[in-house]
PDB file of N, CA and C in Angstrom:
ATOM      1  N   MET A   1      42.074  58.567 -60.529  1.00  0.00           N
ATOM      2  CA  MET A   1      43.151  57.661 -60.486  1.00  0.00           C
ATOM      3  C   MET A   1      42.806  56.246 -59.902  1.00  0.00           C
ATOM      4  N   ALA A   2      43.191  55.144 -60.555  1.00  0.00           N
ATOM      5  CA  ALA A   2      42.801  53.845 -59.908  1.00  0.00           C
ATOM      6  C   ALA A   2      43.519  53.496 -58.640  1.00  0.00           C
ATOM      7  N   ILE A   3      42.909  52.646 -57.840  1.00  0.00           N
ATOM      8  CA  ILE A   3      43.479  52.320 -56.568  1.00  0.00           C
ATOM      9  C   ILE A   3      44.302  51.048 -56.662  1.00  0.00           C
ATOM     10  N   LEU A   4      45.443  51.109 -56.281  1.00  0.00           N
ATOM     11  CA  LEU A   4      46.460  50.032 -56.231  1.00  0.00           C
ATOM     12  C   LEU A   4      46.850  49.855 -54.670  1.00  0.00           C
ATOM     13  N   ARG A   5      46.874  48.712 -54.240  1.00  0.00           N
ATOM     14  CA  ARG A   5      47.300  48.387 -52.861  1.00  0.00           C
ATOM     15  C   ARG A   5      48.600  47.519 -53.048  1.00  0.00           C
ATOM     16  N   ILE A   6      49.598  47.976 -52.308  1.00  0.00           N
ATOM     17  CA  ILE A   6      50.969  47.265 -52.383  1.00  0.00           C
ATOM     18  C   ILE A   6      51.214  46.866 -50.883  1.00  0.00           C
ATOM     19  N   GLU A   7      51.526  45.600 -50.685  1.00  0.00           N
ATOM     20  CA  GLU A   7      52.148  45.055 -49.333  1.00  0.00           C
ATOM     21  C   GLU A   7      53.086  44.163 -49.698  1.00  0.00           C
ATOM     22  N   LYS A   8      54.148  44.365 -48.745  1.00  0.00           N
ATOM     23  CA  LYS A   8      55.437  43.508 -48.891  1.00  0.00           C
ATOM     24  C   LYS A   8      55.461  42.408 -47.692  1.00  0.00           C
ATOM     25  N   SER A   9      55.852  41.465 -47.954  1.00  0.00           N
ATOM     26  CA  SER A   9      56.029  40.412 -46.915  1.00  0.00           C
ATOM     27  C   SER A   9      57.276  39.493 -47.200  1.00  0.00           C
ATOM     28  N   SER A  10      57.946  38.654 -46.418  1.00  0.00           N
ATOM     29  CA  SER A  10      58.939  37.887 -46.542  1.00  0.00           C
ATOM     30  C   SER A  10      58.548  36.417 -46.672  1.00  0.00           C
ATOM     31  N   ASP A  11      58.984  35.700 -47.671  1.00  0.00           N
ATOM     32  CA  ASP A  11      58.773  34.417 -47.954  1.00  0.00           C
ATOM     33  C   ASP A  11      60.214  33.531 -47.990  1.00  0.00           C
ATOM     34  N   GLY A  12      60.667  33.539 -46.845  1.00  0.00           N
ATOM     35  CA  GLY A  12      62.174  32.984 -46.727  1.00  0.00           C
ATOM     36  C   GLY A  12      63.158  34.003 -47.549  1.00  0.00           C
ATOM     37  N   PRO A  13      63.989  33.563 -48.444  1.00  0.00           N
ATOM     38  CA  PRO A  13      64.856  34.443 -49.086  1.00  0.00           C
ATOM     39  C   PRO A  13      64.321  35.408 -50.044  1.00  0.00           C
ATOM     40  N   ILE A  14      62.950  35.358 -50.229  1.00  0.00           N
ATOM     41  CA  ILE A  14      62.212  36.100 -51.215  1.00  0.00           C
ATOM     42  C   ILE A  14      61.294  37.275 -50.612  1.00  0.00           C
ATOM     43  N   THR A  15      61.337  38.434 -50.960  1.00  0.00           N
ATOM     44  CA  THR A  15      60.340  39.457 -50.746  1.00  0.00           C
ATOM     45  C   THR A  15      59.360  39.487 -51.590  1.00  0.00           C
ATOM     46  N   VAL A  16      58.010  39.144 -51.079  1.00  0.00           N
ATOM     47  CA  VAL A  16      56.914  39.101 -51.969  1.00  0.00           C
ATOM     48  C   VAL A  16      56.189  40.558 -51.980  1.00  0.00           C
ATOM     49  N   ILE A  17      55.907  41.090 -53.220  1.00  0.00           N
ATOM     50  CA  ILE A  17      55.244  42.281 -53.275  1.00  0.00           C
ATOM     51  C   ILE A  17      53.919  41.849 -53.758  1.00  0.00           C
ATOM     52  N   ARG A  18      52.889  42.057 -52.776  1.00  0.00           N
ATOM     53  CA  ARG A  18      51.497  41.595 -53.052  1.00  0.00           C
ATOM     54  C   ARG A  18      50.700  42.884 -53.610  1.00  0.00           C
ATOM     55  N   LEU A  19      50.099  42.552 -54.820  1.00  0.00           N
ATOM     56  CA  LEU A  19      49.409  43.794 -55.361  1.00  0.00           C
ATOM     57  C   LEU A  19      47.981  43.439 -55.529  1.00  0.00           C
ATOM     58  N   SER A  20      47.027  44.498 -55.212  1.00  0.00           N
ATOM     59  CA  SER A  20      45.570  44.249 -55.357  1.00  0.00           C
ATOM     60  C   SER A  20      44.997  45.374 -56.002  1.00  0.00           C
ATOM     61  N   GLY A  21      43.915  45.201 -56.726  1.00  0.00           N
ATOM     62  CA  GLY A  21      43.255  46.359 -57.297  1.00  0.00           C
ATOM     63  C   GLY A  21      43.609  46.361 -58.891  1.00  0.00           C
ATOM     64  N   ARG A  22      43.610  47.654 -59.269  1.00  0.00           N
ATOM     65  CA  ARG A  22      43.875  47.877 -60.713  1.00  0.00           C
ATOM     66  C   ARG A  22      45.351  48.479 -60.762  1.00  0.00           C
ATOM     67  N   ILE A  23      46.105  47.897 -61.730  1.00  0.00           N
ATOM     68  CA  ILE A  23      47.334  48.384 -62.000  1.00  0.00           C
ATOM     69  C   ILE A  23      47.423  49.115 -63.374  1.00  0.00           C
ATOM     70  N   GLN A  24      47.787  50.361 -63.361  1.00  0.00           N
ATOM     71  CA  GLN A  24      47.852  51.096 -64.536  1.00  0.00           C
ATOM     72  C   GLN A  24      49.269  51.619 -64.836  1.00  0.00           C
ATOM     73  N   SER A  25      49.472  52.054 -66.136  1.00  0.00           N
ATOM     74  CA  SER A  25      50.881  52.591 -66.353  1.00  0.00           C
ATOM     75  C   SER A  25      51.318  53.637 -65.424  1.00  0.00           C
ATOM     76  N   VAL A  26      50.547  54.502 -64.765  1.00  0.00           N
ATOM     77  CA  VAL A  26      50.949  55.466 -63.749  1.00  0.00           C
ATOM     78  C   VAL A  26      51.608  54.791 -62.519  1.00  0.00           C
ATOM     79  N   HIS A  27      51.320  53.504 -62.267  1.00  0.00           N
ATOM     80  CA  HIS A  27      51.769  52.781 -61.143  1.00  0.00           C
ATOM     81  C   HIS A  27      53.100  52.067 -61.274  1.00  0.00           C
ATOM     82  N   VAL A  28      53.585  52.047 -62.644  1.00  0.00           N
ATOM     83  CA  VAL A  28      54.886  51.195 -62.965  1.00  0.00           C
ATOM     84  C   VAL A  28      56.077  51.725 -62.265  1.00  0.00           C
ATOM     85  N   ARG A  29      56.322  53.164 -62.310  1.00  0.00           N
ATOM     86  CA  ARG A  29      57.411  53.625 -61.578  1.00  0.00           C
ATOM     87  C   ARG A  29      57.461  53.254 -60.009  1.00  0.00           C
ATOM     88  N   GLU A  30      56.234  53.365 -59.370  1.00  0.00           N
ATOM     89  CA  GLU A  30      56.232  52.990 -57.992  1.00  0.00           C
ATOM     90  C   GLU A  30      56.529  51.363 -57.762  1.00  0.00           C
ATOM     91  N   LEU A  31      56.041  50.645 -58.778  1.00  0.00           N
ATOM     92  CA  LEU A  31      56.306  49.154 -58.633  1.00  0.00           C
ATOM     93  C   LEU A  31      57.837  48.929 -58.811  1.00  0.00           C
ATOM     94  N   GLN A  32      58.368  49.553 -59.600  1.00  0.00           N
ATOM     95  CA  GLN A  32      59.926  49.591 -59.859  1.00  0.00           C
ATOM     96  C   GLN A  32      60.605  49.839 -58.586  1.00  0.00           C
ATOM     97  N   ILE A  33      60.271  50.987 -58.006  1.00  0.00           N
ATOM     98  CA  ILE A  33      60.922  51.545 -56.798  1.00  0.00           C
ATOM     99  C   ILE A  33      60.738  50.384 -55.727  1.00  0.00           C
ATOM    100  N   GLN A  34      59.483  49.921 -55.584  1.00  0.00           N
ATOM    101  CA  GLN A  34      59.374  48.732 -54.653  1.00  0.00           C
ATOM    102  C   GLN A  34      60.287  47.479 -54.954  1.00  0.00           C
ATOM    103  N   ILE A  35      60.482  47.127 -56.156  1.00  0.00           N
ATOM    104  CA  ILE A  35      61.341  46.047 -56.373  1.00  0.00           C
ATOM    105  C   ILE A  35      62.649  46.345 -56.125  1.00  0.00           C
ATOM    106  N   GLN A  36      63.080  47.477 -56.603  1.00  0.00           N
ATOM    107  CA  GLN A  36      64.521  47.863 -56.433  1.00  0.00           C
ATOM    108  C   GLN A  36      64.755  48.017 -54.891  1.00  0.00           C
ATOM    109  N   SER A  37      63.887  48.366 -53.969  1.00  0.00           N
ATOM    110  CA  SER A  37      64.060  48.554 -52.614  1.00  0.00           C
ATOM    111  C   SER A  37      64.267  47.249 -51.957  1.00  0.00           C
ATOM    112  N   CYS A  38      64.045  46.171 -52.542  1.00  0.00           N
ATOM    113  CA  CYS A  38      64.099  44.860 -51.829  1.00  0.00           C
ATOM    114  C   CYS A  38      65.608  44.543 -51.688  1.00  0.00           C
ATOM    115  N   ALA A  39      66.011  44.119 -50.480  1.00  0.00           N
ATOM    116  CA  ALA A  39      67.450  43.794 -50.225  1.00  0.00           C
ATOM    117  C   ALA A  39      67.692  42.250 -50.793  1.00  0.00           C
ATOM    118  N   GLN A  40      66.654  41.464 -51.105  1.00  0.00           N
ATOM    119  CA  GLN A  40      66.742  40.321 -51.495  1.00  0.00           C
ATOM    120  C   GLN A  40      66.014  39.958 -52.846  1.00  0.00           C
ATOM    121  N   GLN A  41      65.899  38.767 -53.349  1.00  0.00           N
ATOM    122  CA  GLN A  41      65.212  38.579 -54.553  1.00  0.00           C
ATOM    123  C   GLN A  41      63.676  38.926 -54.220  1.00  0.00           C
ATOM    124  N   SER A  42      63.099  39.283 -55.271  1.00  0.00           N
ATOM    125  CA  SER A  42      61.755  39.749 -55.068  1.00  0.00           C
ATOM    126  C   SER A  42      60.636  38.921 -56.128  1.00  0.00           C
ATOM    127  N   ALA A  43      59.469  38.975 -55.684  1.00  0.00           N
ATOM    128  CA  ALA A  43      58.481  38.178 -56.532  1.00  0.00           C
ATOM    129  C   ALA A  43      57.117  39.114 -56.515  1.00  0.00           C
ATOM    130  N   LEU A  44      56.505  39.227 -57.527  1.00  0.00           N
ATOM    131  CA  LEU A  44      55.144  39.990 -57.567  1.00  0.00           C
ATOM    132  C   LEU A  44      54.065  39.031 -57.386  1.00  0.00           C
ATOM    133  N   ASP A  45      53.093  39.212 -56.425  1.00  0.00           N
ATOM    134  CA  ASP A  45      52.009  38.257 -56.276  1.00  0.00           C
ATOM    135  C   ASP A  45      50.743  39.164 -56.930  1.00  0.00           C
ATOM    136  N   LEU A  46      50.234  38.519 -57.924  1.00  0.00           N
ATOM    137  CA  LEU A  46      48.947  39.155 -58.603  1.00  0.00           C
ATOM    138  C   LEU A  46      47.589  38.641 -58.307  1.00  0.00           C
ATOM    139  N   GLU A  47      47.582  37.784 -57.156  1.00  0.00           N
ATOM    140  CA  GLU A  47      46.240  37.089 -56.917  1.00  0.00           C
ATOM    141  C   GLU A  47      45.094  38.085 -56.822  1.00  0.00           C
ATOM    142  N   GLU A  48      45.159  39.182 -56.320  1.00  0.00           N
ATOM    143  CA  GLU A  48      44.128  40.086 -56.121  1.00  0.00           C
ATOM    144  C   GLU A  48      44.059  41.094 -57.043  1.00  0.00           C
ATOM    145  N   VAL A  49      44.741  41.142 -58.178  1.00  0.00           N
ATOM    146  CA  VAL A  49      44.750  42.130 -59.220  1.00  0.00           C
ATOM    147  C   VAL A  49      43.561  41.962 -60.165  1.00  0.00           C
ATOM    148  N   ALA A  50      42.845  42.923 -60.294  1.00  0.00           N
ATOM    149  CA  ALA A  50      41.479  42.942 -61.054  1.00  0.00           C
ATOM    150  C   ALA A  50      41.769  43.374 -62.540  1.00  0.00           C
ATOM    151  N   LEU A  51      42.546  44.434 -62.746  1.00  0.00           N
ATOM    152  CA  LEU A  51      42.769  44.903 -64.174  1.00  0.00           C
ATOM    153  C   LEU A  51      44.125  45.496 -64.299  1.00  0.00           C
ATOM    154  N   VAL A  52      44.723  45.207 -65.539  1.00  0.00           N
ATOM    155  CA  VAL A  52      45.964  45.903 -65.886  1.00  0.00           C
ATOM    156  C   VAL A  52      45.916  46.513 -67.301  1.00  0.00           C
ATOM    157  N   ASP A  53      46.768  47.370 -67.574  1.00  0.00           N
ATOM    158  CA  ASP A  53      46.736  47.872 -68.883  1.00  0.00           C
ATOM    159  C   ASP A  53      48.059  47.294 -69.685  1.00  0.00           C
ATOM    160  N   ARG A  54      48.222  47.704 -71.071  1.00  0.00           N
ATOM    161  CA  ARG A  54      49.220  47.077 -71.873  1.00  0.00           C
ATOM    162  C   ARG A  54      50.686  47.444 -71.390  1.00  0.00           C
ATOM    163  N   VAL A  55      50.887  48.650 -70.940  1.00  0.00           N
ATOM    164  CA  VAL A  55      52.102  48.988 -70.244  1.00  0.00           C
ATOM    165  C   VAL A  55      52.539  48.248 -69.209  1.00  0.00           C
ATOM    166  N   VAL A  56      51.547  47.826 -68.352  1.00  0.00           N
ATOM    167  CA  VAL A  56      51.883  47.048 -67.143  1.00  0.00           C
ATOM    168  C   VAL A  56      52.117  45.507 -67.606  1.00  0.00           C
ATOM    169  N   VAL A  57      51.458  45.057 -68.578  1.00  0.00           N
ATOM    170  CA  VAL A  57      51.664  43.682 -69.223  1.00  0.00           C
ATOM    171  C   VAL A  57      53.174  43.757 -69.663  1.00  0.00           C
ATOM    172  N   ARG A  58      53.505  44.594 -70.308  1.00  0.00           N
ATOM    173  CA  ARG A  58      54.947  44.493 -70.727  1.00  0.00           C
ATOM    174  C   ARG A  58      55.923  44.697 -69.617  1.00  0.00           C
ATOM    175  N   PHE A  59      55.593  45.542 -68.641  1.00  0.00           N
ATOM    176  CA  PHE A  59      56.468  45.538 -67.485  1.00  0.00           C
ATOM    177  C   PHE A  59      56.491  44.303 -66.798  1.00  0.00           C
ATOM    178  N   LEU A  60      55.443  43.597 -66.605  1.00  0.00           N
ATOM    179  CA  LEU A  60      55.455  42.247 -65.974  1.00  0.00           C
ATOM    180  C   LEU A  60      56.265  41.314 -66.679  1.00  0.00           C
ATOM    181  N   GLY A  61      56.131  41.310 -68.033  1.00  0.00           N
ATOM    182  CA  GLY A  61      56.998  40.493 -69.038  1.00  0.00           C
ATOM    183  C   GLY A  61      58.501  40.662 -68.797  1.00  0.00           C
ATOM    184  N   LEU A  62      58.759  42.082 -68.846  1.00  0.00           N
ATOM    185  CA  LEU A  62      60.311  42.469 -68.526  1.00  0.00           C
ATOM    186  C   LEU A  62      60.643  41.942 -67.138  1.00  0.00           C
ATOM    187  N   CYS A  63      59.775  42.110 -66.118  1.00  0.00           N
ATOM    188  CA  CYS A  63      60.242  41.662 -64.857  1.00  0.00           C
ATOM    189  C   CYS A  63      60.587  40.158 -64.810  1.00  0.00           C
ATOM    190  N   GLU A  64      59.773  39.412 -65.489  1.00  0.00           N
ATOM    191  CA  GLU A  64      59.894  37.964 -65.627  1.00  0.00           C
ATOM    192  C   GLU A  64      61.263  37.605 -66.400  1.00  0.00           C
ATOM    193  N   SER A  65      61.584  38.307 -67.392  1.00  0.00           N
ATOM    194  CA  SER A  65      62.745  38.117 -68.069  1.00  0.00           C
ATOM    195  C   SER A  65      64.008  38.483 -67.412  1.00  0.00           C
ATOM    196  N   LYS A  66      63.860  39.359 -66.304  1.00  0.00           N
ATOM    197  CA  LYS A  66      64.939  39.721 -65.535  1.00  0.00           C
ATOM    198  C   LYS A  66      64.973  38.803 -64.269  1.00  0.00           C
ATOM    199  N   GLY A  67      64.256  37.844 -64.192  1.00  0.00           N
ATOM    200  CA  GLY A  67      64.370  36.831 -62.956  1.00  0.00           C
ATOM    201  C   GLY A  67      63.349  37.105 -61.815  1.00  0.00           C
ATOM    202  N   ILE A  68      62.517  38.016 -62.052  1.00  0.00           N
ATOM    203  CA  ILE A  68      61.589  38.404 -60.833  1.00  0.00           C
ATOM    204  C   ILE A  68      60.310  37.572 -61.170  1.00  0.00           C
ATOM    205  N   ALA A  69      59.982  36.824 -60.164  1.00  0.00           N
ATOM    206  CA  ALA A  69      58.719  35.825 -60.439  1.00  0.00           C
ATOM    207  C   ALA A  69      57.485  36.678 -60.287  1.00  0.00           C
ATOM    208  N   VAL A  70      56.501  36.230 -61.119  1.00  0.00           N
ATOM    209  CA  VAL A  70      55.105  36.882 -61.099  1.00  0.00           C
ATOM    210  C   VAL A  70      54.343  35.625 -60.653  1.00  0.00           C
ATOM    211  N   ARG A  71      53.828  35.697 -59.427  1.00  0.00           N
ATOM    212  CA  ARG A  71      53.039  34.646 -58.830  1.00  0.00           C
ATOM    213  C   ARG A  71      51.514  34.782 -58.902  1.00  0.00           C
ATOM    214  N   ASN A  72      50.693  33.790 -59.000  1.00  0.00           N
ATOM    215  CA  ASN A  72      49.285  33.894 -58.873  1.00  0.00           C
ATOM    216  C   ASN A  72      48.655  34.815 -60.001  1.00  0.00           C
ATOM    217  N   CYS A  73      49.247  34.663 -61.121  1.00  0.00           N
ATOM    218  CA  CYS A  73      48.889  35.599 -62.314  1.00  0.00           C
ATOM    219  C   CYS A  73      47.654  35.211 -62.843  1.00  0.00           C
ATOM    220  N   PRO A  74      46.636  36.064 -62.845  1.00  0.00           N
ATOM    221  CA  PRO A  74      45.333  35.663 -63.564  1.00  0.00           C
ATOM    222  C   PRO A  74      45.628  35.241 -65.025  1.00  0.00           C
ATOM    223  N   LEU A  75      44.871  34.081 -65.482  1.00  0.00           N
ATOM    224  CA  LEU A  75      45.018  33.684 -66.797  1.00  0.00           C
ATOM    225  C   LEU A  75      44.968  34.605 -67.945  1.00  0.00           C
ATOM    226  N   TYR A  76      44.095  35.642 -67.813  1.00  0.00           N
ATOM    227  CA  TYR A  76      44.154  36.594 -68.983  1.00  0.00           C
ATOM    228  C   TYR A  76      45.392  37.522 -69.016  1.00  0.00           C
ATOM    229  N   ILE A  77      45.906  37.697 -67.858  1.00  0.00           N
ATOM    230  CA  ILE A  77      47.108  38.466 -67.793  1.00  0.00           C
ATOM    231  C   ILE A  77      48.302  37.520 -68.310  1.00  0.00           C
ATOM    232  N   ARG A  78      48.272  36.400 -67.843  1.00  0.00           N
ATOM    233  CA  ARG A  78      49.369  35.525 -68.284  1.00  0.00           C
ATOM    234  C   ARG A  78      49.371  35.258 -69.824  1.00  0.00           C
ATOM    235  N   GLU A  79      48.163  35.184 -70.370  1.00  0.00           N
ATOM    236  CA  GLU A  79      48.111  34.999 -71.793  1.00  0.00           C
ATOM    237  C   GLU A  79      48.518  36.273 -72.551  1.00  0.00           C
ATOM    238  N   TRP A  80      48.137  37.479 -71.985  1.00  0.00           N
ATOM    239  CA  TRP A  80      48.523  38.653 -72.599  1.00  0.00           C
ATOM    240  C   TRP A  80      50.082  38.873 -72.603  1.00  0.00           C
ATOM    241  N   ILE A  81      50.682  38.506 -71.532  1.00  0.00           N
ATOM    242  CA  ILE A  81      52.097  38.654 -71.239  1.00  0.00           C
ATOM    243  C   ILE A  81      52.756  37.811 -72.512  1.00  0.00           C
ATOM    244  N   GLN A  82      52.352  36.515 -72.640  1.00  0.00           N
ATOM    245  CA  GLN A  82      52.888  35.716 -73.637  1.00  0.00           C
ATOM    246  C   GLN A  82      52.615  36.237 -75.006  1.00  0.00           C
ATOM    247  N   ARG A  83      51.493  36.937 -75.340  1.00  0.00           N
ATOM    248  CA  ARG A  83      51.255  37.585 -76.629  1.00  0.00           C
ATOM    249  C   ARG A  83      52.342  38.669 -76.639  1.00  0.00           C
ATOM    250  N   GLU A  84      52.553  39.488 -75.833  1.00  0.00           N
ATOM    251  CA  GLU A  84      53.312  40.707 -75.891  1.00  0.00           C
ATOM    252  C   GLU A  84      54.892  40.176 -76.048  1.00  0.00           C
ATOM    253  N   ASN A  85      55.150  39.070 -75.338  1.00  0.00           N
ATOM    254  CA  ASN A  85      56.488  38.490 -75.448  1.00  0.00           C
ATOM    255  C   ASN A  85      56.816  37.987 -76.802  1.00  0.00           C
ATOM    256  N   ALA A  86      55.770  37.495 -77.558  1.00  0.00           N
ATOM    257  CA  ALA A  86      55.862  37.014 -78.941  1.00  0.00           C
ATOM    258  C   ALA A  86      56.216  38.125 -79.932  1.00  0.00           C
ATOM    259  N   ARG A  87      55.835  39.229 -79.532  1.00  0.00           N
ATOM    260  CA  ARG A  87      56.042  40.351 -80.469  1.00  0.00           C
ATOM    261  C   ARG A  87      57.627  40.564 -80.636  1.00  0.00           C
ATOM    262  N   SER A  88      57.991  41.406 -81.506  1.00  0.00           N
ATOM    263  CA  SER A  88      59.449  41.626 -81.802  1.00  0.00           C
ATOM    264  C   SER A  88      60.179  42.221 -80.530  1.00  0.00           C
ATOM    265  N   PRO A  89      61.141  41.447 -80.062  1.00  0.00           N
ATOM    266  CA  PRO A  89      61.882  41.912 -78.747  1.00  0.00           C
ATOM    267  C   PRO A  89      62.539  43.319 -78.863  1.00  0.00           C
ATOM    268  N   ALA A  90      62.881  43.642 -80.086  1.00  0.00           N
ATOM    269  CA  ALA A  90      63.513  44.931 -80.376  1.00  0.00           C
ATOM    270  C   ALA A  90      62.319  45.983 -80.045  1.00  0.00           C
ATOM    271  N   THR A  91      61.302  45.947 -80.621  1.00  0.00           N
ATOM    272  CA  THR A  91      60.141  46.926 -80.404  1.00  0.00           C
ATOM    273  C   THR A  91      59.784  46.816 -79.110  1.00  0.00           C
ATOM    274  N   GLN A  92      59.648  45.785 -78.339  1.00  0.00           N
ATOM    275  CA  GLN A  92      59.200  45.822 -77.024  1.00  0.00           C
ATOM    276  C   GLN A  92      60.096  46.388 -76.168  1.00  0.00           C
ATOM    277  N   THR A  93      61.398  46.132 -76.219  1.00  0.00           N
ATOM    278  CA  THR A  93      62.387  46.747 -75.413  1.00  0.00           C
ATOM    279  C   THR A  93      62.524  48.317 -75.530  1.00  0.00           C
ATOM    280  N   HIS A  94      62.402  48.638 -77.018  1.00  0.00           N
ATOM    281  CA  HIS A  94      62.297  50.195 -77.185  1.00  0.00           C
ATOM    282  C   HIS A  94      61.089  50.846 -76.545  1.00  0.00           C
ATOM    283  N   ASP A  95      59.991  50.199 -76.566  1.00  0.00           N
ATOM    284  CA  ASP A  95      58.812  50.801 -76.043  1.00  0.00           C
ATOM    285  C   ASP A  95      58.825  50.834 -74.453  1.00  0.00           C
ATOM    286  N   CYS A  96      59.399  49.757 -73.971  1.00  0.00           N
ATOM    287  CA  CYS A  96      59.452  49.735 -72.420  1.00  0.00           C
ATOM    288  C   CYS A  96      60.491  50.741 -71.907  1.00  0.00           C
ATOM    289  N   ASN A  97      61.613  50.836 -72.592  1.00  0.00           N
ATOM    290  CA  ASN A  97      62.556  51.770 -72.107  1.00  0.00           C
ATOM    291  C   ASN A  97      62.010  53.263 -72.151  1.00  0.00           C
ATOM    292  N   ARG A  98      61.297  53.488 -73.190  1.00  0.00           N
ATOM    293  CA  ARG A  98      60.665  54.781 -73.149  1.00  0.00           C
ATOM    294  C   ARG A  98      59.701  55.104 -72.150  1.00  0.00           C
ATOM    295  N   ASP A  99      58.804  54.070 -71.669  1.00  0.00           N
ATOM    296  CA  ASP A  99      57.778  54.314 -70.769  1.00  0.00           C
ATOM    297  C   ASP A  99      58.355  54.341 -69.270  1.00  0.00           C
ATOM    298  N   TYR A 100      59.406  53.655 -69.135  1.00  0.00           N
ATOM    299  CA  TYR A 100      59.937  53.572 -67.669  1.00  0.00           C
ATOM    300  C   TYR A 100      61.332  53.005 -67.796  1.00  0.00           C
ATOM    301  N   PRO A 101      62.091  53.195 -66.716  1.00  0.00           N
ATOM    302  CA  PRO A 101      63.435  52.620 -66.679  1.00  0.00           C
ATOM    303  C   PRO A 101      63.537  50.957 -66.767  1.00  0.00           C
ATOM    304  N   VAL A 102      64.530  50.670 -67.087  1.00  0.00           N
ATOM    305  CA  VAL A 102      64.829  49.124 -67.098  1.00  0.00           C
ATOM    306  C   VAL A 102      64.798  48.524 -65.790  1.00  0.00           C
ATOM    307  N   VAL A 103      64.154  47.289 -65.510  1.00  0.00           N
ATOM    308  CA  VAL A 103      64.046  46.625 -64.217  1.00  0.00           C
ATOM    309  C   VAL A 103      65.323  45.826 -64.162  1.00  0.00           C
ATOM    310  N   HIS A 104      66.087  45.924 -63.038  1.00  0.00           N
ATOM    311  CA  HIS A 104      67.137  45.049 -62.865  1.00  0.00           C
ATOM    312  C   HIS A 104      66.878  44.119 -61.674  1.00  0.00           C
ATOM    313  N   SER A 105      67.399  42.909 -61.928  1.00  0.00           N
ATOM    314  CA  SER A 105      67.177  41.823 -60.900  1.00  0.00           C
ATOM    315  C   SER A 105      68.093  42.150 -59.784  1.00  0.00           C
ATOM    316  N   ASP A 106      67.956  41.445 -58.672  1.00  0.00           N
ATOM    317  CA  ASP A 106      68.987  41.663 -57.620  1.00  0.00           C
ATOM    318  C   ASP A 106      70.371  41.333 -57.805  1.00  0.00           C
ATOM    319  N   ALA A 107      70.497  40.246 -58.660  1.00  0.00           N
ATOM    320  CA  ALA A 107      71.830  39.841 -59.010  1.00  0.00           C
ATOM    321  C   ALA A 107      72.544  40.851 -59.969  1.00  0.00           C
ATOM    322  N   GLU A 108      71.891  41.438 -60.745  1.00  0.00           N
ATOM    323  CA  GLU A 108      72.445  42.598 -61.571  1.00  0.00           C
ATOM    324  C   GLU A 108      72.749  43.761 -60.815  1.00  0.00           C
ATOM    325  N   GLN A 109      72.057  44.118 -59.841  1.00  0.00           N
ATOM    326  CA  GLN A 109      72.234  45.210 -58.846  1.00  0.00           C
ATOM    327  C   GLN A 109      73.505  45.065 -58.093  1.00  0.00           C
ATOM    328  N   GLU A 110      73.841  43.907 -57.629  1.00  0.00           N
ATOM    329  CA  GLU A 110      74.982  43.474 -56.949  1.00  0.00           C
ATOM    330  C   GLU A 110      76.175  43.673 -57.732  1.00  0.00           C
ATOM    331  N   GLU A 111      76.218  43.355 -59.092  1.00  0.00           N
ATOM    332  CA  GLU A 111      77.322  43.521 -60.016  1.00  0.00           C
ATOM    333  C   GLU A 111      77.665  44.957 -60.255  1.00  0.00           C
ATOM    334  N   ASP A 112      76.754  45.981 -59.991  1.00  0.00           N
ATOM    335  CA  ASP A 112      77.020  47.278 -60.328  1.00  0.00           C
ATOM    336  C   ASP A 112      77.855  47.942 -59.254  1.00  0.00           C
TER     337      ASP A 112
END
């Protein structure tokens, strides 16, 4: 299994989840748990991420669509997210829901 390091820190009203190493589909559930455990708005910092797979790229795109910032995103990942977002939204949503639960922003969680 690939090594992923997760660190949390506070940046004012935002909890920054700093990721480093390789992120694979097996890590998506843990990332979602980390995001959902934040009492405030969250952001993902990818500055030290080396590799990702397609499921992770779709997850990152879904995070952004839910208002979760993706900071310091390597260019190849940013371009890949944009390509995935250009795909049919219905297909992308279906695939994402099958692979892992839907990500909720902090604002959506407060409404529940």
